[in-house]
Amino acid sequence: MWDELDCALDNKGVFTGPCFTLYHSAEPQWEVDVYWALMGKVQPSGLIKLYELPGVETMASVVHIGPFIAIGEAYKAIIQWIEERLPDCWTMP
């Protein structure tokens, strides 16, 4: 997904911030969206669709800096943070 998004946006001068991933479900059948904050017009095509995400009052996020192989540690940290502060907010499958 990232390759297609990168190709669709390459050299368009629309990037405005970091990319992020939104997981709607987990294994065994992943449902995932990848996002990039944009400024400017982009033509949707193929899997590339444009969304304006609604504002939310509270959100948890994590920034991973390091090799992709270590990204699991970032996920563990944010899951622990959510479970400690918002125990009724969600359940993992």
C-alpha atoms as a PDB file:
ATOM      1  CA  MET A   1       0.000   0.000   0.000  1.00  0.00           C
ATOM      2  CA  TRP A   2       2.756   2.445   0.875  1.00  0.00           C
ATOM      3  CA  ASP A   3       4.419   1.980  -2.538  1.00  0.00           C
ATOM      4  CA  GLU A   4       1.201   2.798  -4.396  1.00  0.00           C
ATOM      5  CA  LEU A   5       0.555   5.827  -2.192  1.00  0.00           C
ATOM      6  CA  ASP A   6       4.129   7.055  -2.664  1.00  0.00           C
ATOM      7  CA  CYS A   7       3.879   6.667  -6.458  1.00  0.00           C
ATOM      8  CA  ALA A   8       0.537   8.481  -6.612  1.00  0.00           C
ATOM      9  CA  LEU A   9       1.847  11.427  -4.587  1.00  0.00           C
ATOM     10  CA  ASP A  10       5.441  11.521  -5.822  1.00  0.00           C
ATOM     11  CA  ASN A  11       6.632  14.971  -6.932  1.00  0.00           C
ATOM     12  CA  LYS A  12       3.227  16.607  -6.452  1.00  0.00           C
ATOM     13  CA  GLY A  13       4.367  18.911  -3.626  1.00  0.00           C
ATOM     14  CA  VAL A  14       1.399  18.009  -1.427  1.00  0.00           C
ATOM     15  CA  PHE A  15       3.028  16.350   1.607  1.00  0.00           C
ATOM     16  CA  THR A  16       2.496  18.322   4.794  1.00  0.00           C
ATOM     17  CA  GLY A  17       3.333  15.963   7.629  1.00  0.00           C
ATOM     18  CA  PRO A  18       4.169  12.445   8.700  1.00  0.00           C
ATOM     19  CA  CYS A  19       2.374   9.415   7.379  1.00  0.00           C
ATOM     20  CA  PHE A  20       0.322   7.163   9.608  1.00  0.00           C
ATOM     21  CA  THR A  21      -1.573   3.894   9.605  1.00  0.00           C
ATOM     22  CA  LEU A  22      -5.063   3.206  10.928  1.00  0.00           C
ATOM     23  CA  TYR A  23      -5.800  -0.396  11.861  1.00  0.00           C
ATOM     24  CA  HIS A  24      -9.496  -1.287  11.732  1.00  0.00           C
ATOM     25  CA  SER A  25      -8.907  -4.940  12.603  1.00  0.00           C
ATOM     26  CA  ALA A  26      -6.071  -7.277  13.456  1.00  0.00           C
ATOM     27  CA  GLU A  27      -4.871 -10.699  12.432  1.00  0.00           C
ATOM     28  CA  PRO A  28      -5.722 -13.009  10.792  1.00  0.00           C
ATOM     29  CA  GLN A  29      -7.408 -10.697   8.227  1.00  0.00           C
ATOM     30  CA  TRP A  30      -5.946  -7.208   8.453  1.00  0.00           C
ATOM     31  CA  GLU A  31      -8.047  -4.187   7.521  1.00  0.00           C
ATOM     32  CA  VAL A  32      -5.667  -1.252   7.324  1.00  0.00           C
ATOM     33  CA  ASP A  33      -5.646   2.263   5.869  1.00  0.00           C
ATOM     34  CA  VAL A  34      -2.471   4.239   5.289  1.00  0.00           C
ATOM     35  CA  TYR A  35      -2.603   8.024   5.387  1.00  0.00           C
ATOM     36  CA  TRP A  36      -0.550  11.049   4.581  1.00  0.00           C
ATOM     37  CA  ALA A  37      -1.560  14.557   5.576  1.00  0.00           C
ATOM     38  CA  LEU A  38      -1.844  16.587   2.378  1.00  0.00           C
ATOM     39  CA  MET A  39      -2.097  20.169   1.281  1.00  0.00           C
ATOM     40  CA  GLY A  40      -3.305  20.540  -2.271  1.00  0.00           C
ATOM     41  CA  LYS A  41      -5.254  18.504  -4.805  1.00  0.00           C
ATOM     42  CA  VAL A  42      -4.611  14.863  -5.567  1.00  0.00           C
ATOM     43  CA  GLN A  43      -6.546  12.782  -8.065  1.00  0.00           C
ATOM     44  CA  PRO A  44      -7.887   9.522  -6.548  1.00  0.00           C
ATOM     45  CA  SER A  45      -7.008   6.393  -8.519  1.00  0.00           C
ATOM     46  CA  GLY A  46      -6.967   2.666  -7.854  1.00  0.00           C
ATOM     47  CA  LEU A  47      -6.636   2.086  -4.140  1.00  0.00           C
ATOM     48  CA  ILE A  48      -5.907   5.784  -3.557  1.00  0.00           C
ATOM     49  CA  LYS A  49      -8.916   7.544  -2.067  1.00  0.00           C
ATOM     50  CA  LEU A  50      -9.225  10.911  -0.387  1.00  0.00           C
ATOM     51  CA  TYR A  51     -10.696  11.249   3.104  1.00  0.00           C
ATOM     52  CA  GLU A  52     -11.064  14.103   5.488  1.00  0.00           C
ATOM     53  CA  LEU A  53     -10.887  12.576   8.929  1.00  0.00           C
ATOM     54  CA  PRO A  54     -13.222  14.056  11.520  1.00  0.00           C
ATOM     55  CA  GLY A  55     -11.750  15.701  14.581  1.00  0.00           C
ATOM     56  CA  VAL A  56     -11.836  13.736  17.808  1.00  0.00           C
ATOM     57  CA  GLU A  57     -11.763  14.847  21.423  1.00  0.00           C
ATOM     58  CA  THR A  58      -9.254  12.230  22.583  1.00  0.00           C
ATOM     59  CA  MET A  59      -6.785  10.139  20.623  1.00  0.00           C
ATOM     60  CA  ALA A  60      -3.783   8.019  21.458  1.00  0.00           C
ATOM     61  CA  SER A  61      -0.878   7.929  19.063  1.00  0.00           C
ATOM     62  CA  VAL A  62       2.671   6.659  18.999  1.00  0.00           C
ATOM     63  CA  VAL A  63       5.628   7.721  16.893  1.00  0.00           C
ATOM     64  CA  HIS A  64       8.097   4.981  16.066  1.00  0.00           C
ATOM     65  CA  ILE A  65      11.649   6.051  15.303  1.00  0.00           C
ATOM     66  CA  GLY A  66      13.913   3.216  14.363  1.00  0.00           C
ATOM     67  CA  PRO A  67      14.018   0.144  12.159  1.00  0.00           C
ATOM     68  CA  PHE A  68      10.755  -1.417  11.042  1.00  0.00           C
ATOM     69  CA  ILE A  69      11.728  -4.692  12.686  1.00  0.00           C
ATOM     70  CA  ALA A  70      11.388  -2.958  16.082  1.00  0.00           C
ATOM     71  CA  ILE A  71       7.959  -1.375  15.446  1.00  0.00           C
ATOM     72  CA  GLY A  72       6.287  -4.001  17.640  1.00  0.00           C
ATOM     73  CA  GLU A  73       7.745  -2.292  20.706  1.00  0.00           C
ATOM     74  CA  ALA A  74       5.923   0.912  19.785  1.00  0.00           C
ATOM     75  CA  TYR A  75       2.649  -0.986  19.462  1.00  0.00           C
ATOM     76  CA  LYS A  76       3.188  -2.683  22.818  1.00  0.00           C
ATOM     77  CA  ALA A  77       3.844   0.698  24.459  1.00  0.00           C
ATOM     78  CA  ILE A  78       0.685   2.343  23.147  1.00  0.00           C
ATOM     79  CA  ILE A  79      -1.491  -0.678  23.927  1.00  0.00           C
ATOM     80  CA  GLN A  80      -0.190  -0.671  27.499  1.00  0.00           C
ATOM     81  CA  TRP A  81      -0.769   3.071  27.781  1.00  0.00           C
ATOM     82  CA  ILE A  82      -4.377   2.745  26.576  1.00  0.00           C
ATOM     83  CA  GLU A  83      -5.129  -0.251  28.788  1.00  0.00           C
ATOM     84  CA  GLU A  84      -3.810   1.561  31.883  1.00  0.00           C
ATOM     85  CA  ARG A  85      -5.693   4.805  31.284  1.00  0.00           C
ATOM     86  CA  LEU A  86      -8.805   3.725  29.370  1.00  0.00           C
ATOM     87  CA  PRO A  87      -9.473   0.107  30.367  1.00  0.00           C
ATOM     88  CA  ASP A  88     -13.067   0.164  29.061  1.00  0.00           C
ATOM     89  CA  CYS A  89     -12.165   1.854  25.787  1.00  0.00           C
ATOM     90  CA  TRP A  90     -11.449  -1.241  23.730  1.00  0.00           C
ATOM     91  CA  THR A  91     -10.669  -4.907  23.661  1.00  0.00           C
ATOM     92  CA  MET A  92      -8.109  -6.655  21.544  1.00  0.00           C
ATOM     93  CA  PRO A  93      -9.260  -9.724  19.601  1.00  0.00           C
END
